[in-house]
């Protein structure tokens, strides 16, 4: 699951390390959340940049976007508060780790 920072990096450097890692694991194995999609769209709208909006929509159009389900909200709240153990993995680590 790719977060806002990783997708922002992908848009800034479309041939960079994020793109290479996605190609390595396969686009079908990469996804993001509706929250990330909303953050990216908000950022593009706030900048009033057509170019950025096109980039955001191109990247999001190539990804599976997961909805914000009730269990996701609970796990996100627990992770943010430090309760319930560790529920998230390092996206950066997953993208840069070589098997």
N, C-alpha and C. Protein backbone atom coordinates (compact mmCIF):
# COMPACT_ATOMS: atom_id res chain seq x y z
N UNK A 1 0.85 -1.17 0.00
CA UNK A 1 0.00 0.00 0.00
C UNK A 1 0.90 1.23 0.00
N UNK A 2 0.68 2.08 -0.98
CA UNK A 2 1.50 3.28 -1.12
C UNK A 2 0.85 4.46 -0.41
N UNK A 3 1.67 5.23 0.30
CA UNK A 3 1.15 6.39 1.00
C UNK A 3 1.35 7.66 0.18
N UNK A 4 0.93 8.78 0.71
CA UNK A 4 0.98 10.06 0.00
C UNK A 4 2.40 10.44 -0.38
N UNK A 5 3.34 10.27 0.55
CA UNK A 5 4.72 10.66 0.27
C UNK A 5 5.33 9.82 -0.86
N UNK A 6 5.05 8.54 -0.86
CA UNK A 6 5.59 7.67 -1.90
C UNK A 6 5.01 8.03 -3.26
N UNK A 7 3.70 8.27 -3.32
CA UNK A 7 3.09 8.64 -4.59
C UNK A 7 3.54 10.02 -5.05
N UNK A 8 3.75 10.93 -4.12
CA UNK A 8 4.29 12.25 -4.48
C UNK A 8 5.68 12.10 -5.09
N UNK A 9 6.49 11.25 -4.48
CA UNK A 9 7.83 10.98 -5.01
C UNK A 9 7.74 10.41 -6.42
N UNK A 10 6.80 9.48 -6.63
CA UNK A 10 6.61 8.89 -7.95
C UNK A 10 6.25 9.95 -8.99
N UNK A 11 5.43 10.91 -8.61
CA UNK A 11 5.05 11.96 -9.56
C UNK A 11 6.21 12.92 -9.84
N UNK A 12 7.04 13.17 -8.83
CA UNK A 12 8.19 14.05 -9.03
C UNK A 12 9.29 13.36 -9.83
N UNK A 13 9.44 12.05 -9.63
CA UNK A 13 10.50 11.29 -10.29
C UNK A 13 9.90 10.02 -10.90
N UNK A 14 9.19 10.17 -12.02
CA UNK A 14 8.47 9.03 -12.60
C UNK A 14 9.36 7.88 -13.05
N UNK A 15 10.65 8.09 -13.19
CA UNK A 15 11.59 7.02 -13.55
C UNK A 15 12.47 6.64 -12.37
N UNK A 16 12.11 7.11 -11.17
CA UNK A 16 12.95 6.92 -9.99
C UNK A 16 12.77 5.58 -9.30
N UNK A 17 13.26 5.53 -8.07
CA UNK A 17 13.29 4.28 -7.31
C UNK A 17 11.90 3.71 -7.04
N UNK A 18 10.91 4.57 -6.85
CA UNK A 18 9.55 4.08 -6.61
C UNK A 18 9.02 3.37 -7.85
N UNK A 19 9.21 3.98 -9.00
CA UNK A 19 8.76 3.36 -10.26
C UNK A 19 9.47 2.04 -10.51
N UNK A 20 10.75 2.00 -10.20
CA UNK A 20 11.51 0.76 -10.38
C UNK A 20 10.99 -0.34 -9.46
N UNK A 21 10.69 0.02 -8.23
CA UNK A 21 10.18 -0.98 -7.28
C UNK A 21 8.79 -1.47 -7.68
N UNK A 22 7.95 -0.56 -8.16
CA UNK A 22 6.61 -0.95 -8.62
C UNK A 22 6.73 -1.92 -9.80
N UNK A 23 7.63 -1.62 -10.72
CA UNK A 23 7.85 -2.51 -11.86
C UNK A 23 8.34 -3.88 -11.40
N UNK A 24 9.16 -3.86 -10.37
CA UNK A 24 9.71 -5.11 -9.83
C UNK A 24 8.63 -6.00 -9.20
N UNK A 25 7.74 -5.39 -8.41
CA UNK A 25 6.71 -6.19 -7.73
C UNK A 25 5.47 -6.38 -8.59
N UNK A 26 5.32 -5.57 -9.63
CA UNK A 26 4.17 -5.66 -10.52
C UNK A 26 3.07 -4.69 -10.11
N UNK A 27 2.57 -3.95 -11.09
CA UNK A 27 1.53 -2.95 -10.82
C UNK A 27 0.29 -3.55 -10.18
N UNK A 28 -0.02 -4.80 -10.50
CA UNK A 28 -1.20 -5.45 -9.93
C UNK A 28 -1.06 -5.71 -8.43
N UNK A 29 0.16 -5.62 -7.91
CA UNK A 29 0.41 -5.87 -6.49
C UNK A 29 0.55 -4.58 -5.68
N UNK A 30 0.26 -3.45 -6.31
CA UNK A 30 0.43 -2.15 -5.67
C UNK A 30 -0.93 -1.46 -5.59
N UNK A 31 -1.21 -0.87 -4.43
CA UNK A 31 -2.48 -0.17 -4.25
C UNK A 31 -2.30 0.99 -3.30
N UNK A 32 -3.34 1.75 -3.13
CA UNK A 32 -3.34 2.86 -2.19
C UNK A 32 -4.73 2.96 -1.57
N UNK A 33 -4.91 3.91 -0.69
CA UNK A 33 -6.20 4.07 -0.02
C UNK A 33 -6.93 5.31 -0.54
N UNK A 34 -8.20 5.34 -0.29
CA UNK A 34 -9.02 6.50 -0.66
C UNK A 34 -8.53 7.75 0.06
N UNK A 35 -8.00 7.60 1.26
CA UNK A 35 -7.48 8.76 1.99
C UNK A 35 -6.29 9.38 1.26
N UNK A 36 -5.41 8.54 0.76
CA UNK A 36 -4.26 9.03 0.00
C UNK A 36 -4.75 9.71 -1.28
N UNK A 37 -5.70 9.09 -1.96
CA UNK A 37 -6.25 9.69 -3.18
C UNK A 37 -6.82 11.07 -2.88
N UNK A 38 -7.55 11.19 -1.79
CA UNK A 38 -8.13 12.49 -1.41
C UNK A 38 -7.05 13.51 -1.10
N UNK A 39 -6.00 13.10 -0.38
CA UNK A 39 -4.91 14.02 -0.06
C UNK A 39 -4.23 14.53 -1.33
N UNK A 40 -3.97 13.64 -2.26
CA UNK A 40 -3.31 14.04 -3.51
C UNK A 40 -4.20 14.97 -4.32
N UNK A 41 -5.47 14.64 -4.41
CA UNK A 41 -6.40 15.51 -5.16
C UNK A 41 -6.56 16.86 -4.49
N UNK A 42 -6.62 16.88 -3.17
CA UNK A 42 -6.70 18.15 -2.43
C UNK A 42 -5.47 19.01 -2.72
N UNK A 43 -4.29 18.39 -2.65
CA UNK A 43 -3.05 19.14 -2.90
C UNK A 43 -3.01 19.74 -4.30
N UNK A 44 -3.45 18.96 -5.28
CA UNK A 44 -3.48 19.47 -6.66
C UNK A 44 -4.48 20.60 -6.81
N UNK A 45 -5.64 20.46 -6.19
CA UNK A 45 -6.67 21.51 -6.27
C UNK A 45 -6.19 22.78 -5.56
N UNK A 46 -5.54 22.62 -4.42
CA UNK A 46 -5.06 23.77 -3.66
C UNK A 46 -4.03 24.56 -4.46
N UNK A 47 -3.22 23.87 -5.22
CA UNK A 47 -2.22 24.54 -6.06
C UNK A 47 -2.81 25.07 -7.37
N UNK A 48 -4.03 24.66 -7.66
CA UNK A 48 -4.71 25.06 -8.90
C UNK A 48 -3.85 24.77 -10.12
N UNK A 49 -3.23 23.59 -10.09
CA UNK A 49 -2.32 23.21 -11.17
C UNK A 49 -2.97 22.12 -12.02
N UNK A 50 -3.23 22.46 -13.29
CA UNK A 50 -3.79 21.46 -14.20
C UNK A 50 -2.80 20.32 -14.44
N UNK A 51 -1.54 20.67 -14.57
CA UNK A 51 -0.51 19.66 -14.80
C UNK A 51 -0.46 18.68 -13.63
N UNK A 52 -0.43 19.19 -12.41
CA UNK A 52 -0.39 18.33 -11.23
C UNK A 52 -1.66 17.49 -11.12
N UNK A 53 -2.80 18.09 -11.43
CA UNK A 53 -4.07 17.36 -11.40
C UNK A 53 -4.03 16.21 -12.40
N UNK A 54 -3.50 16.44 -13.59
CA UNK A 54 -3.37 15.37 -14.59
C UNK A 54 -2.44 14.26 -14.09
N UNK A 55 -1.33 14.65 -13.48
CA UNK A 55 -0.38 13.67 -12.94
C UNK A 55 -1.05 12.82 -11.86
N UNK A 56 -1.75 13.48 -10.95
CA UNK A 56 -2.43 12.77 -9.86
C UNK A 56 -3.43 11.77 -10.44
N UNK A 57 -4.25 12.23 -11.37
CA UNK A 57 -5.28 11.35 -11.93
C UNK A 57 -4.67 10.20 -12.74
N UNK A 58 -3.56 10.46 -13.40
CA UNK A 58 -2.88 9.40 -14.14
C UNK A 58 -2.36 8.33 -13.18
N UNK A 59 -1.70 8.75 -12.12
CA UNK A 59 -1.17 7.79 -11.14
C UNK A 59 -2.31 7.04 -10.46
N UNK A 60 -3.32 7.76 -10.00
CA UNK A 60 -4.43 7.10 -9.32
C UNK A 60 -5.20 6.17 -10.25
N UNK A 61 -5.29 6.55 -11.54
CA UNK A 61 -5.98 5.71 -12.50
C UNK A 61 -5.29 4.38 -12.74
N UNK A 62 -4.00 4.30 -12.43
CA UNK A 62 -3.24 3.07 -12.63
C UNK A 62 -3.23 2.17 -11.40
N UNK A 63 -3.81 2.66 -10.29
CA UNK A 63 -3.77 1.92 -9.03
C UNK A 63 -5.15 1.45 -8.59
N UNK A 64 -5.16 0.39 -7.83
CA UNK A 64 -6.36 0.01 -7.10
C UNK A 64 -6.45 0.94 -5.89
N UNK A 65 -7.62 1.52 -5.67
CA UNK A 65 -7.82 2.42 -4.54
C UNK A 65 -8.79 1.76 -3.58
N UNK A 66 -8.31 1.47 -2.38
CA UNK A 66 -9.14 0.81 -1.38
C UNK A 66 -10.04 1.80 -0.66
N UNK A 67 -11.29 1.42 -0.40
CA UNK A 67 -12.21 2.29 0.34
C UNK A 67 -11.82 2.34 1.82
N UNK A 68 -12.38 3.28 2.52
CA UNK A 68 -12.14 3.44 3.95
C UNK A 68 -13.24 2.67 4.68
N UNK A 69 -12.96 1.45 5.05
CA UNK A 69 -13.92 0.56 5.68
C UNK A 69 -13.89 0.73 7.20
N UNK A 70 -14.95 0.28 7.89
CA UNK A 70 -15.00 0.40 9.35
C UNK A 70 -13.77 -0.18 10.06
N UNK A 71 -13.31 -1.37 9.67
CA UNK A 71 -12.12 -1.94 10.31
C UNK A 71 -10.89 -1.10 10.06
N UNK A 72 -10.79 -0.50 8.88
CA UNK A 72 -9.67 0.35 8.56
C UNK A 72 -9.64 1.56 9.47
N UNK A 73 -10.81 2.15 9.71
CA UNK A 73 -10.88 3.31 10.61
C UNK A 73 -10.41 2.94 12.00
N UNK A 74 -10.84 1.77 12.49
CA UNK A 74 -10.45 1.34 13.83
C UNK A 74 -8.95 1.11 13.90
N UNK A 75 -8.41 0.39 12.93
CA UNK A 75 -6.98 0.11 12.92
C UNK A 75 -6.16 1.38 12.78
N UNK A 76 -6.63 2.32 11.97
CA UNK A 76 -5.92 3.59 11.81
C UNK A 76 -5.90 4.36 13.12
N UNK A 77 -7.02 4.38 13.81
CA UNK A 77 -7.10 5.08 15.09
C UNK A 77 -6.19 4.42 16.11
N UNK A 78 -6.18 3.10 16.15
CA UNK A 78 -5.31 2.39 17.09
C UNK A 78 -3.84 2.64 16.77
N UNK A 79 -3.49 2.60 15.50
CA UNK A 79 -2.10 2.83 15.11
C UNK A 79 -1.66 4.25 15.46
N UNK A 80 -2.54 5.21 15.21
CA UNK A 80 -2.22 6.62 15.50
C UNK A 80 -2.06 6.86 17.00
N UNK A 81 -2.84 6.14 17.79
CA UNK A 81 -2.79 6.35 19.25
C UNK A 81 -1.73 5.48 19.92
N UNK A 82 -1.15 4.56 19.17
CA UNK A 82 -0.16 3.67 19.75
C UNK A 82 -0.76 2.45 20.42
N UNK A 83 -2.07 2.28 20.33
CA UNK A 83 -2.74 1.14 20.94
C UNK A 83 -2.82 -0.01 19.94
N UNK A 84 -2.99 -1.19 20.46
CA UNK A 84 -3.28 -2.34 19.60
C UNK A 84 -2.09 -2.90 18.86
N UNK A 85 -0.90 -2.54 19.23
CA UNK A 85 0.27 -3.09 18.54
C UNK A 85 0.54 -2.38 17.23
N UNK A 86 1.46 -2.91 16.50
CA UNK A 86 1.86 -2.29 15.23
C UNK A 86 1.01 -2.85 14.10
N UNK A 87 0.26 -1.98 13.43
CA UNK A 87 -0.63 -2.41 12.36
C UNK A 87 -0.17 -1.97 10.98
N UNK A 88 0.88 -1.18 10.93
CA UNK A 88 1.32 -0.67 9.63
C UNK A 88 2.74 -1.12 9.35
N UNK A 89 3.05 -1.28 8.10
CA UNK A 89 4.41 -1.62 7.68
C UNK A 89 5.03 -0.40 7.05
N UNK A 90 6.32 -0.36 7.02
CA UNK A 90 7.02 0.74 6.38
C UNK A 90 6.92 0.62 4.87
N UNK A 91 6.21 1.54 4.26
CA UNK A 91 6.08 1.52 2.80
C UNK A 91 7.44 1.78 2.17
N UNK A 92 8.18 2.74 2.74
CA UNK A 92 9.49 3.05 2.21
C UNK A 92 10.38 1.82 2.26
N UNK A 93 10.34 1.11 3.37
CA UNK A 93 11.13 -0.11 3.49
C UNK A 93 10.71 -1.16 2.49
N UNK A 94 9.42 -1.29 2.31
CA UNK A 94 8.92 -2.29 1.36
C UNK A 94 9.32 -1.95 -0.06
N UNK A 95 9.36 -0.67 -0.38
CA UNK A 95 9.71 -0.26 -1.74
C UNK A 95 11.19 -0.33 -2.01
N UNK A 96 11.99 -0.14 -0.98
CA UNK A 96 13.44 -0.11 -1.20
C UNK A 96 14.11 -1.44 -0.90
N UNK A 97 13.44 -2.32 -0.19
CA UNK A 97 14.01 -3.62 0.16
C UNK A 97 14.15 -4.48 -1.10
N UNK A 98 15.26 -5.07 -1.26
CA UNK A 98 15.51 -5.97 -2.40
C UNK A 98 15.48 -7.40 -1.89
N UNK A 99 14.71 -8.25 -2.55
CA UNK A 99 14.64 -9.66 -2.15
C UNK A 99 15.68 -10.46 -2.90
